[in-house]
Amino acid sequence: MAVIAAACCAVVPRVLPRGERSDARAPVPVVSLLLVTAATAAVSLAGVLPGTLATVGGIVVALLLVAAFVGYERSSELRVFPRTTYQAGSPLKWIYLTLGLLAFGVAVESFVPLFGQQLGGLSPLAAGLFGAAISLGWSLTQLGSSSATREHTVRRLRIIGPLLLASGFAIICAIGAVTARAANRSS
């Protein structure tokens, strides 16, 4: 990865058109970024706090902070997302929501080998291959979906993709809940 990144650093300045350089810096949307960071911290804390009430409280706080972020973004001149994101009928909000769900999916996928070892009793090699199989599945799915050209198929894929991702999250949560109950009973 480092070699590829170095090659990109060498090539990009030669390929991109030269633009006008200015010493003026774009202002940073500090309030928006603080709200998003606080929401992320609330979710992180909810995951480690003991007790169901504390976990639910952390998630509620995170949702309130996300709502505050959206409210602030809609009315602010200095924002993270383009103004058109918040206009009625804009597809940008759905694009950003989908990207967010995909980011969650990738984060969960990072722990698949650990889950395979801890919950499934797999060897490190088998757990790693299990994680690699999921990556292969993502790659093959992307090849298939990116070659779709018919509007009906594209529309269907836009709906099926997030539904499959949400279903996968629900299954993972259900498995985690069952496993946690079984572990509590045995201890």
N, C-alpha and C. Protein backbone atom coordinates (compact mmCIF):
# COMPACT_ATOMS: atom_id res chain seq x y z
N MET A 1 0.83 -1.19 0.00
CA MET A 1 0.00 0.00 0.00
C MET A 1 0.88 1.26 0.00
N ALA A 2 1.95 1.22 0.76
CA ALA A 2 2.82 2.39 0.83
C ALA A 2 3.47 2.68 -0.52
N VAL A 3 3.85 1.63 -1.24
CA VAL A 3 4.46 1.81 -2.56
C VAL A 3 3.45 2.41 -3.54
N ILE A 4 2.23 1.91 -3.50
CA ILE A 4 1.18 2.44 -4.38
C ILE A 4 0.88 3.88 -4.04
N ALA A 5 0.79 4.21 -2.73
CA ALA A 5 0.53 5.59 -2.31
C ALA A 5 1.65 6.51 -2.77
N ALA A 6 2.90 6.05 -2.67
CA ALA A 6 4.03 6.86 -3.12
C ALA A 6 3.96 7.09 -4.63
N ALA A 7 3.59 6.06 -5.37
CA ALA A 7 3.45 6.22 -6.83
C ALA A 7 2.35 7.22 -7.16
N CYS A 8 1.25 7.15 -6.44
CA CYS A 8 0.16 8.11 -6.67
C CYS A 8 0.61 9.53 -6.35
N CYS A 9 1.37 9.71 -5.27
CA CYS A 9 1.87 11.04 -4.91
C CYS A 9 2.77 11.60 -6.01
N ALA A 10 3.51 10.73 -6.67
CA ALA A 10 4.40 11.18 -7.73
C ALA A 10 3.63 11.52 -9.01
N VAL A 11 2.58 10.77 -9.29
CA VAL A 11 1.86 10.92 -10.56
C VAL A 11 0.80 12.02 -10.50
N VAL A 12 0.11 12.15 -9.41
CA VAL A 12 -1.04 13.07 -9.33
C VAL A 12 -0.69 14.50 -9.69
N PRO A 13 0.39 15.10 -9.17
CA PRO A 13 0.68 16.49 -9.53
C PRO A 13 0.91 16.69 -11.04
N ARG A 14 1.35 15.64 -11.72
CA ARG A 14 1.60 15.76 -13.16
C ARG A 14 0.33 15.58 -13.98
N VAL A 15 -0.61 14.85 -13.43
CA VAL A 15 -1.83 14.55 -14.17
C VAL A 15 -2.90 15.63 -13.98
N LEU A 16 -3.05 16.11 -12.78
CA LEU A 16 -4.09 17.11 -12.50
C LEU A 16 -3.71 18.44 -13.11
N PRO A 17 -4.71 19.18 -13.59
CA PRO A 17 -4.41 20.50 -14.17
C PRO A 17 -3.97 21.46 -13.07
N ARG A 18 -3.09 22.35 -13.45
CA ARG A 18 -2.62 23.34 -12.48
C ARG A 18 -3.71 24.37 -12.28
N GLY A 19 -4.02 24.63 -11.06
CA GLY A 19 -5.01 25.64 -10.73
C GLY A 19 -4.34 26.82 -10.08
N GLU A 20 -5.14 27.84 -9.85
CA GLU A 20 -4.59 29.01 -9.17
C GLU A 20 -4.43 28.67 -7.70
N ARG A 21 -3.30 29.00 -7.17
CA ARG A 21 -3.06 28.76 -5.74
C ARG A 21 -3.35 30.04 -4.99
N SER A 22 -3.91 29.85 -3.83
CA SER A 22 -4.22 31.00 -2.99
C SER A 22 -3.83 30.67 -1.56
N ASP A 23 -3.42 31.69 -0.84
CA ASP A 23 -3.09 31.49 0.55
C ASP A 23 -4.34 31.50 1.43
N ALA A 24 -5.46 31.89 0.85
CA ALA A 24 -6.71 31.92 1.61
C ALA A 24 -7.15 30.50 1.92
N ARG A 25 -7.50 30.26 3.16
CA ARG A 25 -7.93 28.93 3.57
C ARG A 25 -9.44 28.91 3.72
N ALA A 26 -10.01 27.80 3.31
CA ALA A 26 -11.46 27.64 3.46
C ALA A 26 -11.79 27.48 4.94
N PRO A 27 -12.85 28.13 5.39
CA PRO A 27 -13.22 28.01 6.80
C PRO A 27 -13.68 26.59 7.13
N VAL A 28 -13.41 26.16 8.34
CA VAL A 28 -13.75 24.82 8.80
C VAL A 28 -15.10 24.88 9.52
N PRO A 29 -16.04 23.97 9.19
CA PRO A 29 -17.34 23.94 9.86
C PRO A 29 -17.23 23.32 11.25
N VAL A 30 -16.66 24.06 12.18
CA VAL A 30 -16.32 23.55 13.51
C VAL A 30 -17.54 23.01 14.25
N VAL A 31 -18.63 23.76 14.26
CA VAL A 31 -19.81 23.34 15.02
C VAL A 31 -20.35 22.01 14.48
N SER A 32 -20.47 21.90 13.17
CA SER A 32 -20.95 20.65 12.57
C SER A 32 -20.04 19.49 12.92
N LEU A 33 -18.74 19.70 12.82
CA LEU A 33 -17.79 18.63 13.11
C LEU A 33 -17.81 18.25 14.59
N LEU A 34 -17.98 19.23 15.47
CA LEU A 34 -18.08 18.92 16.90
C LEU A 34 -19.33 18.10 17.20
N LEU A 35 -20.45 18.42 16.55
CA LEU A 35 -21.68 17.66 16.77
C LEU A 35 -21.53 16.21 16.30
N VAL A 36 -20.92 16.03 15.13
CA VAL A 36 -20.72 14.67 14.62
C VAL A 36 -19.74 13.90 15.51
N THR A 37 -18.68 14.56 15.95
CA THR A 37 -17.70 13.91 16.83
C THR A 37 -18.34 13.53 18.16
N ALA A 38 -19.17 14.41 18.70
CA ALA A 38 -19.85 14.10 19.96
C ALA A 38 -20.82 12.93 19.78
N ALA A 39 -21.51 12.87 18.64
CA ALA A 39 -22.41 11.74 18.38
C ALA A 39 -21.63 10.44 18.29
N THR A 40 -20.49 10.48 17.63
CA THR A 40 -19.64 9.29 17.53
C THR A 40 -19.14 8.86 18.91
N ALA A 41 -18.74 9.83 19.71
CA ALA A 41 -18.28 9.51 21.06
C ALA A 41 -19.40 8.91 21.90
N ALA A 42 -20.62 9.42 21.74
CA ALA A 42 -21.76 8.88 22.49
C ALA A 42 -22.02 7.43 22.12
N VAL A 43 -21.93 7.10 20.84
CA VAL A 43 -22.12 5.71 20.41
C VAL A 43 -21.00 4.83 20.96
N SER A 44 -19.77 5.34 20.91
CA SER A 44 -18.64 4.58 21.43
C SER A 44 -18.81 4.31 22.92
N LEU A 45 -19.22 5.32 23.66
CA LEU A 45 -19.44 5.13 25.09
C LEU A 45 -20.59 4.17 25.36
N ALA A 46 -21.63 4.25 24.54
CA ALA A 46 -22.77 3.35 24.72
C ALA A 46 -22.34 1.89 24.58
N GLY A 47 -21.34 1.65 23.77
CA GLY A 47 -20.87 0.29 23.56
C GLY A 47 -20.07 -0.28 24.72
N VAL A 48 -19.52 0.59 25.57
CA VAL A 48 -18.68 0.09 26.66
C VAL A 48 -19.29 0.30 28.04
N LEU A 49 -20.33 1.11 28.13
CA LEU A 49 -20.96 1.34 29.43
C LEU A 49 -21.72 0.10 29.88
N PRO A 50 -21.63 -0.22 31.17
CA PRO A 50 -22.36 -1.40 31.66
C PRO A 50 -23.85 -1.10 31.81
N GLY A 51 -24.66 -2.07 31.49
CA GLY A 51 -26.09 -1.94 31.69
C GLY A 51 -26.83 -1.49 30.44
N THR A 52 -28.01 -2.03 30.29
CA THR A 52 -28.84 -1.72 29.13
C THR A 52 -29.28 -0.26 29.13
N LEU A 53 -29.63 0.26 30.28
CA LEU A 53 -30.10 1.65 30.36
C LEU A 53 -29.03 2.63 29.91
N ALA A 54 -27.78 2.40 30.32
CA ALA A 54 -26.68 3.27 29.90
C ALA A 54 -26.44 3.17 28.40
N THR A 55 -26.55 1.97 27.86
CA THR A 55 -26.36 1.78 26.42
C THR A 55 -27.44 2.50 25.64
N VAL A 56 -28.69 2.32 26.06
CA VAL A 56 -29.80 2.99 25.37
C VAL A 56 -29.67 4.51 25.51
N GLY A 57 -29.26 4.97 26.70
CA GLY A 57 -29.06 6.40 26.91
C GLY A 57 -28.01 6.96 25.97
N GLY A 58 -26.90 6.25 25.80
CA GLY A 58 -25.84 6.70 24.90
C GLY A 58 -26.32 6.78 23.46
N ILE A 59 -27.11 5.81 23.05
CA ILE A 59 -27.64 5.81 21.68
C ILE A 59 -28.63 6.95 21.49
N VAL A 60 -29.47 7.21 22.50
CA VAL A 60 -30.43 8.32 22.41
C VAL A 60 -29.69 9.65 22.31
N VAL A 61 -28.65 9.81 23.14
CA VAL A 61 -27.84 11.04 23.07
C VAL A 61 -27.23 11.18 21.68
N ALA A 62 -26.71 10.09 21.13
CA ALA A 62 -26.11 10.14 19.79
C ALA A 62 -27.15 10.55 18.74
N LEU A 63 -28.35 9.98 18.82
CA LEU A 63 -29.40 10.34 17.86
C LEU A 63 -29.79 11.81 17.99
N LEU A 64 -29.85 12.31 19.22
CA LEU A 64 -30.16 13.73 19.43
C LEU A 64 -29.06 14.63 18.85
N LEU A 65 -27.82 14.21 19.02
CA LEU A 65 -26.71 14.97 18.45
C LEU A 65 -26.73 14.95 16.93
N VAL A 66 -27.10 13.82 16.34
CA VAL A 66 -27.22 13.76 14.88
C VAL A 66 -28.35 14.68 14.41
N ALA A 67 -29.47 14.68 15.14
CA ALA A 67 -30.57 15.58 14.79
C ALA A 67 -30.13 17.05 14.91
N ALA A 68 -29.35 17.36 15.94
CA ALA A 68 -28.82 18.72 16.09
C ALA A 68 -27.89 19.06 14.94
N PHE A 69 -27.08 18.10 14.51
CA PHE A 69 -26.18 18.29 13.38
C PHE A 69 -26.97 18.64 12.12
N VAL A 70 -28.01 17.85 11.84
CA VAL A 70 -28.82 18.10 10.64
C VAL A 70 -29.51 19.46 10.74
N GLY A 71 -30.06 19.78 11.91
CA GLY A 71 -30.70 21.08 12.09
C GLY A 71 -29.73 22.23 11.89
N TYR A 72 -28.55 22.11 12.44
CA TYR A 72 -27.55 23.15 12.29
C TYR A 72 -27.10 23.26 10.83
N GLU A 73 -26.88 22.13 10.21
CA GLU A 73 -26.42 22.11 8.82
C GLU A 73 -27.42 22.78 7.89
N ARG A 74 -28.69 22.57 8.12
CA ARG A 74 -29.73 23.15 7.25
C ARG A 74 -29.71 24.68 7.26
N SER A 75 -29.38 25.25 8.41
CA SER A 75 -29.49 26.70 8.52
C SER A 75 -28.15 27.42 8.46
N SER A 76 -27.06 26.70 8.53
CA SER A 76 -25.74 27.32 8.60
C SER A 76 -25.19 27.66 7.22
N GLU A 77 -24.41 28.72 7.19
CA GLU A 77 -23.70 29.05 5.96
C GLU A 77 -22.44 28.21 5.82
N LEU A 78 -21.92 27.77 6.95
CA LEU A 78 -20.70 26.97 6.98
C LEU A 78 -21.08 25.55 7.37
N ARG A 79 -21.02 24.63 6.41
CA ARG A 79 -21.53 23.28 6.67
C ARG A 79 -20.60 22.23 6.06
N VAL A 80 -20.85 20.97 6.43
CA VAL A 80 -20.08 19.84 5.91
C VAL A 80 -20.62 19.42 4.55
N PHE A 81 -21.93 19.25 4.45
CA PHE A 81 -22.56 18.80 3.22
C PHE A 81 -23.03 19.98 2.38
N PRO A 82 -23.13 19.81 1.06
CA PRO A 82 -23.64 20.89 0.21
C PRO A 82 -25.07 21.28 0.59
N ARG A 83 -25.42 22.54 0.36
CA ARG A 83 -26.75 23.03 0.69
C ARG A 83 -27.84 22.19 0.02
N THR A 84 -27.60 21.74 -1.19
CA THR A 84 -28.63 20.97 -1.92
C THR A 84 -28.97 19.65 -1.25
N THR A 85 -28.10 19.18 -0.34
CA THR A 85 -28.38 17.93 0.38
C THR A 85 -29.70 18.02 1.12
N TYR A 86 -30.01 19.19 1.64
CA TYR A 86 -31.18 19.37 2.50
C TYR A 86 -32.40 19.90 1.75
N GLN A 87 -32.32 20.03 0.44
CA GLN A 87 -33.47 20.49 -0.34
C GLN A 87 -34.38 19.32 -0.66
N ALA A 88 -35.68 19.61 -0.71
CA ALA A 88 -36.66 18.56 -1.01
C ALA A 88 -36.37 17.96 -2.39
N GLY A 89 -36.44 16.65 -2.46
CA GLY A 89 -36.24 15.95 -3.72
C GLY A 89 -34.79 15.72 -4.10
N SER A 90 -33.86 16.18 -3.28
CA SER A 90 -32.45 16.00 -3.60
C SER A 90 -32.03 14.56 -3.33
N PRO A 91 -31.37 13.93 -4.29
CA PRO A 91 -30.90 12.55 -4.06
C PRO A 91 -29.66 12.48 -3.18
N LEU A 92 -29.03 13.64 -2.90
CA LEU A 92 -27.79 13.62 -2.13
C LEU A 92 -27.96 13.02 -0.74
N LYS A 93 -29.09 13.31 -0.09
CA LYS A 93 -29.27 12.77 1.27
C LYS A 93 -29.29 11.26 1.25
N TRP A 94 -29.85 10.67 0.20
CA TRP A 94 -29.90 9.21 0.10
C TRP A 94 -28.53 8.63 -0.22
N ILE A 95 -27.77 9.37 -1.01
CA ILE A 95 -26.41 8.93 -1.32
C ILE A 95 -25.56 8.93 -0.06
N TYR A 96 -25.64 10.02 0.72
CA TYR A 96 -24.86 10.09 1.96
C TYR A 96 -25.31 9.05 2.97
N LEU A 97 -26.61 8.79 3.05
CA LEU A 97 -27.11 7.77 3.97
C LEU A 97 -26.60 6.38 3.56
N THR A 98 -26.63 6.11 2.27
CA THR A 98 -26.12 4.83 1.78
C THR A 98 -24.63 4.68 2.07
N LEU A 99 -23.86 5.75 1.85
CA LEU A 99 -22.43 5.70 2.14
C LEU A 99 -22.20 5.46 3.63
N GLY A 100 -23.02 6.06 4.48
CA GLY A 100 -22.90 5.83 5.91
C GLY A 100 -23.18 4.39 6.28
N LEU A 101 -24.23 3.81 5.69
CA LEU A 101 -24.54 2.40 5.96
C LEU A 101 -23.42 1.49 5.47
N LEU A 102 -22.86 1.81 4.31
CA LEU A 102 -21.75 1.00 3.81
C LEU A 102 -20.54 1.10 4.73
N ALA A 103 -20.29 2.30 5.28
CA ALA A 103 -19.17 2.46 6.21
C ALA A 103 -19.39 1.60 7.45
N PHE A 104 -20.64 1.54 7.94
CA PHE A 104 -20.94 0.67 9.07
C PHE A 104 -20.67 -0.78 8.69
N GLY A 105 -21.06 -1.16 7.48
CA GLY A 105 -20.85 -2.53 7.03
C GLY A 105 -19.39 -2.90 6.97
N VAL A 106 -18.56 -1.98 6.50
CA VAL A 106 -17.13 -2.24 6.42
C VAL A 106 -16.55 -2.36 7.83
N ALA A 107 -17.02 -1.52 8.75
CA ALA A 107 -16.52 -1.59 10.13
C ALA A 107 -16.85 -2.94 10.75
N VAL A 108 -18.05 -3.42 10.53
CA VAL A 108 -18.45 -4.72 11.07
C VAL A 108 -17.63 -5.82 10.41
N GLU A 109 -17.41 -5.70 9.12
CA GLU A 109 -16.67 -6.72 8.38
C GLU A 109 -15.24 -6.87 8.90
N SER A 110 -14.68 -5.81 9.45
CA SER A 110 -13.33 -5.87 10.00
C SER A 110 -13.21 -6.86 11.14
N PHE A 111 -14.31 -7.11 11.83
CA PHE A 111 -14.28 -7.98 13.00
C PHE A 111 -14.73 -9.41 12.70
N VAL A 112 -15.03 -9.71 11.46
CA VAL A 112 -15.50 -11.05 11.11
C VAL A 112 -14.49 -12.13 11.51
N PRO A 113 -13.20 -11.97 11.21
CA PRO A 113 -12.27 -13.02 11.65
C PRO A 113 -12.26 -13.21 13.18
N LEU A 114 -12.35 -12.10 13.92
CA LEU A 114 -12.40 -12.22 15.38
C LEU A 114 -13.66 -12.96 15.82
N PHE A 115 -14.81 -12.60 15.22
CA PHE A 115 -16.05 -13.29 15.54
C PHE A 115 -15.94 -14.78 15.21
N GLY A 116 -15.32 -15.09 14.08
CA GLY A 116 -15.15 -16.49 13.69
C GLY A 116 -14.32 -17.26 14.70
N GLN A 117 -13.28 -16.61 15.22
CA GLN A 117 -12.44 -17.28 16.22
C GLN A 117 -13.15 -17.39 17.57
N GLN A 118 -13.69 -16.27 18.04
CA GLN A 118 -14.27 -16.23 19.38
C GLN A 118 -15.61 -16.94 19.47
N LEU A 119 -16.46 -16.73 18.48
CA LEU A 119 -17.81 -17.30 18.55
C LEU A 119 -17.92 -18.64 17.84
N GLY A 120 -17.18 -18.80 16.75
CA GLY A 120 -17.29 -20.02 15.97
C GLY A 120 -16.22 -21.04 16.25
N GLY A 121 -15.22 -20.65 17.04
CA GLY A 121 -14.16 -21.59 17.36
C GLY A 121 -13.26 -21.92 16.18
N LEU A 122 -13.19 -21.03 15.19
CA LEU A 122 -12.35 -21.27 14.02
C LEU A 122 -10.88 -21.02 14.34
N SER A 123 -10.02 -21.67 13.61
CA SER A 123 -8.59 -21.39 13.74
C SER A 123 -8.33 -20.02 13.11
N PRO A 124 -7.19 -19.38 13.44
CA PRO A 124 -6.89 -18.08 12.84
C PRO A 124 -6.90 -18.11 11.31
N LEU A 125 -6.36 -19.17 10.73
CA LEU A 125 -6.35 -19.28 9.26
C LEU A 125 -7.76 -19.37 8.70
N ALA A 126 -8.58 -20.24 9.28
CA ALA A 126 -9.96 -20.39 8.79
C ALA A 126 -10.75 -19.11 8.98
N ALA A 127 -10.55 -18.42 10.12
CA ALA A 127 -11.25 -17.16 10.36
C ALA A 127 -10.82 -16.10 9.36
N GLY A 128 -9.51 -16.07 9.05
CA GLY A 128 -9.02 -15.13 8.04
C GLY A 128 -9.59 -15.42 6.66
N LEU A 129 -9.68 -16.71 6.31
CA LEU A 129 -10.27 -17.08 5.02
C LEU A 129 -11.75 -16.73 4.98
N PHE A 130 -12.43 -16.84 6.12
CA PHE A 130 -13.83 -16.46 6.21
C PHE A 130 -13.98 -14.96 5.91
N GLY A 131 -13.10 -14.14 6.50
CA GLY A 131 -13.12 -12.70 6.22
C GLY A 131 -12.80 -12.42 4.76
N ALA A 132 -11.85 -13.16 4.19
CA ALA A 132 -11.49 -12.98 2.78
C ALA A 132 -12.66 -13.36 1.87
N ALA A 133 -13.40 -14.40 2.25
CA ALA A 133 -14.57 -14.81 1.45
C ALA A 133 -15.61 -13.69 1.40
N ILE A 134 -15.76 -12.99 2.51
CA ILE A 134 -16.71 -11.87 2.52
C ILE A 134 -16.23 -10.77 1.59
N SER A 135 -14.94 -10.49 1.61
CA SER A 135 -14.39 -9.47 0.70
C SER A 135 -14.57 -9.89 -0.76
N LEU A 136 -14.37 -11.16 -1.03
CA LEU A 136 -14.59 -11.66 -2.39
C LEU A 136 -16.06 -11.48 -2.78
N GLY A 137 -16.96 -11.75 -1.86
CA GLY A 137 -18.38 -11.55 -2.13
C GLY A 137 -18.69 -10.10 -2.45
N TRP A 138 -18.11 -9.16 -1.70
CA TRP A 138 -18.30 -7.73 -1.99
C TRP A 138 -17.79 -7.42 -3.40
N SER A 139 -16.61 -7.92 -3.73
CA SER A 139 -16.02 -7.62 -5.04
C SER A 139 -16.87 -8.15 -6.18
N LEU A 140 -17.31 -9.40 -6.07
CA LEU A 140 -18.15 -9.98 -7.13
C LEU A 140 -19.48 -9.24 -7.25
N THR A 141 -20.05 -8.88 -6.12
CA THR A 141 -21.32 -8.14 -6.14
C THR A 141 -21.12 -6.79 -6.82
N GLN A 142 -20.02 -6.11 -6.52
CA GLN A 142 -19.76 -4.81 -7.13
C GLN A 142 -19.56 -4.94 -8.64
N LEU A 143 -18.89 -6.00 -9.06
CA LEU A 143 -18.73 -6.20 -10.51
C LEU A 143 -20.09 -6.38 -11.18
N GLY A 144 -20.95 -7.16 -10.57
CA GLY A 144 -22.28 -7.38 -11.14
C GLY A 144 -23.14 -6.13 -11.12
N SER A 145 -23.16 -5.43 -9.99
CA SER A 145 -24.04 -4.26 -9.90
C SER A 145 -23.54 -3.09 -10.74
N SER A 146 -22.22 -2.96 -10.88
CA SER A 146 -21.71 -1.84 -11.67
C SER A 146 -21.93 -2.05 -13.17
N SER A 147 -22.20 -3.27 -13.58
CA SER A 147 -22.45 -3.50 -15.00
C SER A 147 -23.94 -3.42 -15.35
N ALA A 148 -24.79 -3.17 -14.36
CA ALA A 148 -26.23 -3.04 -14.63
C ALA A 148 -26.48 -1.73 -15.38
N THR A 149 -27.24 -1.82 -16.45
CA THR A 149 -27.51 -0.62 -17.25
C THR A 149 -29.00 -0.32 -17.38
N ARG A 150 -29.84 -1.34 -17.30
CA ARG A 150 -31.28 -1.10 -17.43
C ARG A 150 -31.79 -0.36 -16.21
N GLU A 151 -32.61 0.66 -16.43
CA GLU A 151 -33.10 1.50 -15.33
C GLU A 151 -33.85 0.68 -14.29
N HIS A 152 -34.64 -0.29 -14.73
CA HIS A 152 -35.41 -1.12 -13.81
C HIS A 152 -34.47 -1.92 -12.89
N THR A 153 -33.41 -2.47 -13.47
CA THR A 153 -32.44 -3.24 -12.69
C THR A 153 -31.69 -2.34 -11.72
N VAL A 154 -31.28 -1.17 -12.18
CA VAL A 154 -30.55 -0.23 -11.32
C VAL A 154 -31.43 0.19 -10.15
N ARG A 155 -32.69 0.49 -10.41
CA ARG A 155 -33.63 0.88 -9.34
C ARG A 155 -33.78 -0.24 -8.33
N ARG A 156 -33.91 -1.46 -8.82
CA ARG A 156 -34.03 -2.61 -7.93
C ARG A 156 -32.79 -2.80 -7.07
N LEU A 157 -31.62 -2.66 -7.68
CA LEU A 157 -30.36 -2.80 -6.94
C LEU A 157 -30.22 -1.73 -5.86
N ARG A 158 -30.68 -0.50 -6.15
CA ARG A 158 -30.62 0.58 -5.17
C ARG A 158 -31.46 0.27 -3.94
N ILE A 159 -32.50 -0.47 -4.12
CA ILE A 159 -33.38 -0.82 -2.99
C ILE A 159 -32.88 -2.09 -2.30
N ILE A 160 -32.50 -3.08 -3.08
CA ILE A 160 -32.09 -4.37 -2.51
C ILE A 160 -30.80 -4.25 -1.71
N GLY A 161 -29.83 -3.47 -2.20
CA GLY A 161 -28.54 -3.34 -1.52
C GLY A 161 -28.67 -2.89 -0.06
N PRO A 162 -29.27 -1.72 0.19
CA PRO A 162 -29.42 -1.29 1.59
C PRO A 162 -30.29 -2.24 2.41
N LEU A 163 -31.29 -2.87 1.79
CA LEU A 163 -32.12 -3.82 2.53
C LEU A 163 -31.31 -5.04 2.96
N LEU A 164 -30.46 -5.54 2.07
CA LEU A 164 -29.59 -6.66 2.44
C LEU A 164 -28.62 -6.28 3.54
N LEU A 165 -28.06 -5.09 3.46
CA LEU A 165 -27.13 -4.63 4.48
C LEU A 165 -27.83 -4.52 5.83
N ALA A 166 -29.01 -3.91 5.84
CA ALA A 166 -29.77 -3.79 7.09
C ALA A 166 -30.16 -5.16 7.64
N SER A 167 -30.51 -6.08 6.76
CA SER A 167 -30.85 -7.44 7.20
C SER A 167 -29.63 -8.12 7.82
N GLY A 168 -28.48 -7.93 7.22
CA GLY A 168 -27.25 -8.50 7.77
C GLY A 168 -26.95 -7.94 9.15
N PHE A 169 -27.14 -6.62 9.33
CA PHE A 169 -26.94 -6.03 10.65
C PHE A 169 -27.91 -6.63 11.67
N ALA A 170 -29.16 -6.81 11.27
CA ALA A 170 -30.15 -7.39 12.19
C ALA A 170 -29.77 -8.81 12.59
N ILE A 171 -29.29 -9.58 11.62
CA ILE A 171 -28.87 -10.96 11.92
C ILE A 171 -27.66 -10.97 12.86
N ILE A 172 -26.70 -10.09 12.60
CA ILE A 172 -25.52 -10.01 13.47
C ILE A 172 -25.93 -9.63 14.89
N CYS A 173 -26.84 -8.67 15.02
CA CYS A 173 -27.31 -8.27 16.35
C CYS A 173 -28.03 -9.42 17.04
N ALA A 174 -28.85 -10.14 16.30
CA ALA A 174 -29.58 -11.27 16.89
C ALA A 174 -28.61 -12.36 17.35
N ILE A 175 -27.62 -12.66 16.53
CA ILE A 175 -26.62 -13.67 16.90
C ILE A 175 -25.86 -13.21 18.14
N GLY A 176 -25.48 -11.94 18.18
CA GLY A 176 -24.77 -11.41 19.33
C GLY A 176 -25.60 -11.49 20.60
N ALA A 177 -26.90 -11.19 20.49
CA ALA A 177 -27.77 -11.26 21.67
C ALA A 177 -27.91 -12.69 22.16
N VAL A 178 -28.10 -13.63 21.25
CA VAL A 178 -28.23 -15.04 21.63
C VAL A 178 -26.94 -15.54 22.26
N THR A 179 -25.81 -15.18 21.66
CA THR A 179 -24.52 -15.62 22.17
C THR A 179 -24.25 -15.03 23.56
N ALA A 180 -24.59 -13.75 23.74
CA ALA A 180 -24.38 -13.12 25.06
C ALA A 180 -25.24 -13.78 26.13
N ARG A 181 -26.49 -14.10 25.80
CA ARG A 181 -27.36 -14.80 26.77
C ARG A 181 -26.80 -16.17 27.11
N ALA A 182 -26.32 -16.89 26.10
CA ALA A 182 -25.75 -18.22 26.34
C ALA A 182 -24.50 -18.11 27.22
N ALA A 183 -23.68 -17.11 26.98
CA ALA A 183 -22.47 -16.92 27.77
C ALA A 183 -22.81 -16.57 29.21
N ASN A 184 -23.83 -15.76 29.39
CA ASN A 184 -24.24 -15.37 30.75
C ASN A 184 -24.79 -16.59 31.52
N ARG A 185 -25.51 -17.45 30.83
CA ARG A 185 -26.07 -18.63 31.49
C ARG A 185 -24.97 -19.61 31.91
N SER A 186 -23.93 -19.72 31.08
CA SER A 186 -22.88 -20.69 31.39
C SER A 186 -21.93 -20.19 32.46
N SER A 187 -21.91 -18.88 32.71
CA SER A 187 -20.97 -18.37 33.71
C SER A 187 -21.59 -18.17 35.06
